[in-house]
Amino acid sequence: MESFILNSKVTSRFKLYVILTIALFYTQKLQLYEYHNLSLPGEYSPSTNTFYD
């Protein structure tokens, strides 16, 4: 019984790490996509300051 409780704790923590990793990956992908979507050629920052060449 003791080992079963420990095992379930480990698996739940592992699942949490997996979910966090996937979430982090997706948010980074999304930010990259939004950045490329909004940025124009010669533009410095799409969100706040726009410096053109």
PDB file of N, CA and C in Angstrom:
ATOM      1  N   MET A   1       0.834  -1.207   0.000  1.00  0.00           N
ATOM      2  CA  MET A   1       0.000   0.000   0.000  1.00  0.00           C
ATOM      3  C   MET A   1       0.872   1.261   0.000  1.00  0.00           C
ATOM      4  N   GLU A   2       1.934   1.224   0.780  1.00  0.00           N
ATOM      5  CA  GLU A   2       2.844   2.373   0.864  1.00  0.00           C
ATOM      6  C   GLU A   2       3.472   2.676  -0.497  1.00  0.00           C
ATOM      7  N   SER A   3       3.930   1.628  -1.165  1.00  0.00           N
ATOM      8  CA  SER A   3       4.566   1.813  -2.467  1.00  0.00           C
ATOM      9  C   SER A   3       3.553   2.299  -3.505  1.00  0.00           C
ATOM     10  N   PHE A   4       2.310   1.870  -3.380  1.00  0.00           N
ATOM     11  CA  PHE A   4       1.265   2.302  -4.313  1.00  0.00           C
ATOM     12  C   PHE A   4       1.008   3.810  -4.189  1.00  0.00           C
ATOM     13  N   ILE A   5       0.958   4.306  -2.959  1.00  0.00           N
ATOM     14  CA  ILE A   5       0.753   5.738  -2.711  1.00  0.00           C
ATOM     15  C   ILE A   5       1.926   6.543  -3.284  1.00  0.00           C
ATOM     16  N   LEU A   6       3.125   6.070  -3.041  1.00  0.00           N
ATOM     17  CA  LEU A   6       4.321   6.731  -3.554  1.00  0.00           C
ATOM     18  C   LEU A   6       4.299   6.750  -5.081  1.00  0.00           C
ATOM     19  N   ASN A   7       3.916   5.617  -5.666  1.00  0.00           N
ATOM     20  CA  ASN A   7       3.875   5.499  -7.114  1.00  0.00           C
ATOM     21  C   ASN A   7       2.863   6.465  -7.716  1.00  0.00           C
ATOM     22  N   SER A   8       1.689   6.575  -7.107  1.00  0.00           N
ATOM     23  CA  SER A   8       0.668   7.484  -7.629  1.00  0.00           C
ATOM     24  C   SER A   8       1.118   8.938  -7.501  1.00  0.00           C
ATOM     25  N   LYS A   9       1.846   9.253  -6.432  1.00  0.00           N
ATOM     26  CA  LYS A   9       2.387  10.604  -6.276  1.00  0.00           C
ATOM     27  C   LYS A   9       3.386  10.914  -7.388  1.00  0.00           C
ATOM     28  N   VAL A  10       4.244   9.951  -7.675  1.00  0.00           N
ATOM     29  CA  VAL A  10       5.255  10.138  -8.720  1.00  0.00           C
ATOM     30  C   VAL A  10       4.586  10.327 -10.076  1.00  0.00           C
ATOM     31  N   THR A  11       3.580   9.500 -10.371  1.00  0.00           N
ATOM     32  CA  THR A  11       2.922   9.596 -11.672  1.00  0.00           C
ATOM     33  C   THR A  11       2.152  10.902 -11.812  1.00  0.00           C
ATOM     34  N   SER A  12       1.517  11.353 -10.734  1.00  0.00           N
ATOM     35  CA  SER A  12       0.779  12.619 -10.805  1.00  0.00           C
ATOM     36  C   SER A  12       1.742  13.786 -11.012  1.00  0.00           C
ATOM     37  N   ARG A  13       2.898  13.731 -10.352  1.00  0.00           N
ATOM     38  CA  ARG A  13       3.908  14.772 -10.532  1.00  0.00           C
ATOM     39  C   ARG A  13       4.461  14.723 -11.956  1.00  0.00           C
ATOM     40  N   PHE A  14       4.669  13.524 -12.473  1.00  0.00           N
ATOM     41  CA  PHE A  14       5.151  13.365 -13.843  1.00  0.00           C
ATOM     42  C   PHE A  14       4.136  13.923 -14.842  1.00  0.00           C
ATOM     43  N   LYS A  15       2.855  13.621 -14.610  1.00  0.00           N
ATOM     44  CA  LYS A  15       1.798  14.150 -15.482  1.00  0.00           C
ATOM     45  C   LYS A  15       1.786  15.667 -15.444  1.00  0.00           C
ATOM     46  N   LEU A  16       1.973  16.237 -14.257  1.00  0.00           N
ATOM     47  CA  LEU A  16       2.005  17.688 -14.108  1.00  0.00           C
ATOM     48  C   LEU A  16       3.157  18.288 -14.914  1.00  0.00           C
ATOM     49  N   TYR A  17       4.320  17.674 -14.827  1.00  0.00           N
ATOM     50  CA  TYR A  17       5.472  18.151 -15.593  1.00  0.00           C
ATOM     51  C   TYR A  17       5.214  18.068 -17.087  1.00  0.00           C
ATOM     52  N   VAL A  18       4.611  16.972 -17.524  1.00  0.00           N
ATOM     53  CA  VAL A  18       4.309  16.795 -18.945  1.00  0.00           C
ATOM     54  C   VAL A  18       3.336  17.871 -19.421  1.00  0.00           C
ATOM     55  N   ILE A  19       2.294  18.108 -18.635  1.00  0.00           N
ATOM     56  CA  ILE A  19       1.297  19.123 -18.989  1.00  0.00           C
ATOM     57  C   ILE A  19       1.931  20.511 -19.041  1.00  0.00           C
ATOM     58  N   LEU A  20       2.775  20.817 -18.056  1.00  0.00           N
ATOM     59  CA  LEU A  20       3.450  22.115 -18.030  1.00  0.00           C
ATOM     60  C   LEU A  20       4.374  22.289 -19.230  1.00  0.00           C
ATOM     61  N   THR A  21       5.097  21.232 -19.574  1.00  0.00           N
ATOM     62  CA  THR A  21       6.010  21.289 -20.717  1.00  0.00           C
ATOM     63  C   THR A  21       5.246  21.530 -22.009  1.00  0.00           C
ATOM     64  N   ILE A  22       4.145  20.808 -22.179  1.00  0.00           N
ATOM     65  CA  ILE A  22       3.319  20.970 -23.377  1.00  0.00           C
ATOM     66  C   ILE A  22       2.735  22.378 -23.434  1.00  0.00           C
ATOM     67  N   ALA A  23       2.250  22.864 -22.290  1.00  0.00           N
ATOM     68  CA  ALA A  23       1.672  24.209 -22.234  1.00  0.00           C
ATOM     69  C   ALA A  23       2.719  25.262 -22.583  1.00  0.00           C
ATOM     70  N   LEU A  24       3.910  25.116 -22.033  1.00  0.00           N
ATOM     71  CA  LEU A  24       5.004  26.043 -22.304  1.00  0.00           C
ATOM     72  C   LEU A  24       5.359  26.033 -23.787  1.00  0.00           C
ATOM     73  N   PHE A  25       5.453  24.837 -24.367  1.00  0.00           N
ATOM     74  CA  PHE A  25       5.776  24.691 -25.778  1.00  0.00           C
ATOM     75  C   PHE A  25       4.733  25.389 -26.640  1.00  0.00           C
ATOM     76  N   TYR A  26       3.449  25.153 -26.323  1.00  0.00           N
ATOM     77  CA  TYR A  26       2.376  25.741 -27.120  1.00  0.00           C
ATOM     78  C   TYR A  26       2.328  27.256 -26.990  1.00  0.00           C
ATOM     79  N   THR A  27       2.548  27.784 -25.789  1.00  0.00           N
ATOM     80  CA  THR A  27       2.517  29.240 -25.619  1.00  0.00           C
ATOM     81  C   THR A  27       3.676  29.895 -26.356  1.00  0.00           C
ATOM     82  N   GLN A  28       4.851  29.264 -26.329  1.00  0.00           N
ATOM     83  CA  GLN A  28       5.996  29.800 -27.068  1.00  0.00           C
ATOM     84  C   GLN A  28       5.720  29.788 -28.564  1.00  0.00           C
ATOM     85  N   LYS A  29       5.139  28.694 -29.063  1.00  0.00           N
ATOM     86  CA  LYS A  29       4.789  28.593 -30.474  1.00  0.00           C
ATOM     87  C   LYS A  29       3.790  29.673 -30.847  1.00  0.00           C
ATOM     88  N   LEU A  30       2.801  29.879 -29.974  1.00  0.00           N
ATOM     89  CA  LEU A  30       1.751  30.858 -30.225  1.00  0.00           C
ATOM     90  C   LEU A  30       2.324  32.267 -30.271  1.00  0.00           C
ATOM     91  N   GLN A  31       3.209  32.589 -29.318  1.00  0.00           N
ATOM     92  CA  GLN A  31       3.829  33.911 -29.285  1.00  0.00           C
ATOM     93  C   GLN A  31       4.669  34.145 -30.529  1.00  0.00           C
ATOM     94  N   LEU A  32       5.410  33.136 -30.946  1.00  0.00           N
ATOM     95  CA  LEU A  32       6.233  33.227 -32.142  1.00  0.00           C
ATOM     96  C   LEU A  32       5.359  33.455 -33.366  1.00  0.00           C
ATOM     97  N   TYR A  33       4.248  32.721 -33.436  1.00  0.00           N
ATOM     98  CA  TYR A  33       3.321  32.847 -34.560  1.00  0.00           C
ATOM     99  C   TYR A  33       2.690  34.234 -34.596  1.00  0.00           C
ATOM    100  N   GLU A  34       2.258  34.727 -33.427  1.00  0.00           N
ATOM    101  CA  GLU A  34       1.665  36.057 -33.351  1.00  0.00           C
ATOM    102  C   GLU A  34       2.684  37.126 -33.733  1.00  0.00           C
ATOM    103  N   TYR A  35       3.925  36.963 -33.288  1.00  0.00           N
ATOM    104  CA  TYR A  35       4.981  37.925 -33.604  1.00  0.00           C
ATOM    105  C   TYR A  35       5.208  37.996 -35.110  1.00  0.00           C
ATOM    106  N   HIS A  36       5.310  36.840 -35.745  1.00  0.00           N
ATOM    107  CA  HIS A  36       5.524  36.798 -37.192  1.00  0.00           C
ATOM    108  C   HIS A  36       4.296  37.291 -37.940  1.00  0.00           C
ATOM    109  N   ASN A  37       3.132  37.058 -37.359  1.00  0.00           N
ATOM    110  CA  ASN A  37       1.890  37.480 -37.988  1.00  0.00           C
ATOM    111  C   ASN A  37       1.749  38.995 -37.983  1.00  0.00           C
ATOM    112  N   LEU A  38       2.156  39.632 -36.877  1.00  0.00           N
ATOM    113  CA  LEU A  38       1.935  41.063 -36.711  1.00  0.00           C
ATOM    114  C   LEU A  38       3.084  41.908 -37.240  1.00  0.00           C
ATOM    115  N   SER A  39       4.285  41.338 -37.305  1.00  0.00           N
ATOM    116  CA  SER A  39       5.445  42.146 -37.661  1.00  0.00           C
ATOM    117  C   SER A  39       5.500  42.416 -39.164  1.00  0.00           C
ATOM    118  N   LEU A  40       5.899  43.619 -39.506  1.00  0.00           N
ATOM    119  CA  LEU A  40       6.084  44.011 -40.893  1.00  0.00           C
ATOM    120  C   LEU A  40       7.577  44.101 -41.183  1.00  0.00           C
ATOM    121  N   PRO A  41       7.985  44.066 -42.438  1.00  0.00           N
ATOM    122  CA  PRO A  41       9.404  44.209 -42.772  1.00  0.00           C
ATOM    123  C   PRO A  41       9.943  45.558 -42.312  1.00  0.00           C
ATOM    124  N   GLY A  42      11.040  45.537 -41.556  1.00  0.00           N
ATOM    125  CA  GLY A  42      11.644  46.755 -41.044  1.00  0.00           C
ATOM    126  C   GLY A  42      11.027  47.233 -39.746  1.00  0.00           C
ATOM    127  N   GLU A  43      10.095  46.472 -39.210  1.00  0.00           N
ATOM    128  CA  GLU A  43       9.457  46.871 -37.957  1.00  0.00           C
ATOM    129  C   GLU A  43      10.227  46.293 -36.780  1.00  0.00           C
ATOM    130  N   TYR A  44      10.402  47.102 -35.736  1.00  0.00           N
ATOM    131  CA  TYR A  44      11.220  46.667 -34.597  1.00  0.00           C
ATOM    132  C   TYR A  44      10.403  45.830 -33.623  1.00  0.00           C
ATOM    133  N   SER A  45       9.310  46.366 -33.123  1.00  0.00           N
ATOM    134  CA  SER A  45       8.480  45.645 -32.167  1.00  0.00           C
ATOM    135  C   SER A  45       7.010  45.793 -32.542  1.00  0.00           C
ATOM    136  N   PRO A  46       6.329  44.699 -32.808  1.00  0.00           N
ATOM    137  CA  PRO A  46       4.946  44.769 -33.281  1.00  0.00           C
ATOM    138  C   PRO A  46       3.945  45.231 -32.225  1.00  0.00           C
ATOM    139  N   SER A  47       4.267  45.023 -30.944  1.00  0.00           N
ATOM    140  CA  SER A  47       3.280  45.291 -29.902  1.00  0.00           C
ATOM    141  C   SER A  47       3.328  46.737 -29.406  1.00  0.00           C
ATOM    142  N   THR A  48       4.519  47.227 -29.045  1.00  0.00           N
ATOM    143  CA  THR A  48       4.592  48.536 -28.383  1.00  0.00           C
ATOM    144  C   THR A  48       5.187  49.608 -29.292  1.00  0.00           C
ATOM    145  N   ASN A  49       6.468  49.508 -29.605  1.00  0.00           N
ATOM    146  CA  ASN A  49       7.132  50.550 -30.390  1.00  0.00           C
ATOM    147  C   ASN A  49       7.311  50.061 -31.822  1.00  0.00           C
ATOM    148  N   THR A  50       7.044  50.927 -32.780  1.00  0.00           N
ATOM    149  CA  THR A  50       7.281  50.549 -34.169  1.00  0.00           C
ATOM    150  C   THR A  50       8.328  51.483 -34.755  1.00  0.00           C
ATOM    151  N   PHE A  51       9.515  50.926 -34.991  1.00  0.00           N
ATOM    152  CA  PHE A  51      10.577  51.680 -35.635  1.00  0.00           C
ATOM    153  C   PHE A  51      10.758  51.141 -37.053  1.00  0.00           C
ATOM    154  N   TYR A  52      10.570  52.007 -38.017  1.00  0.00           N
ATOM    155  CA  TYR A  52      10.720  51.574 -39.404  1.00  0.00           C
ATOM    156  C   TYR A  52      12.075  52.006 -39.938  1.00  0.00           C
ATOM    157  N   ASP A  53      12.580  51.248 -40.887  1.00  0.00           N
ATOM    158  CA  ASP A  53      13.876  51.571 -41.502  1.00  0.00           C
ATOM    159  C   ASP A  53      13.752  52.793 -42.411  1.00  0.00           C
TER     160      ASP A  53
END
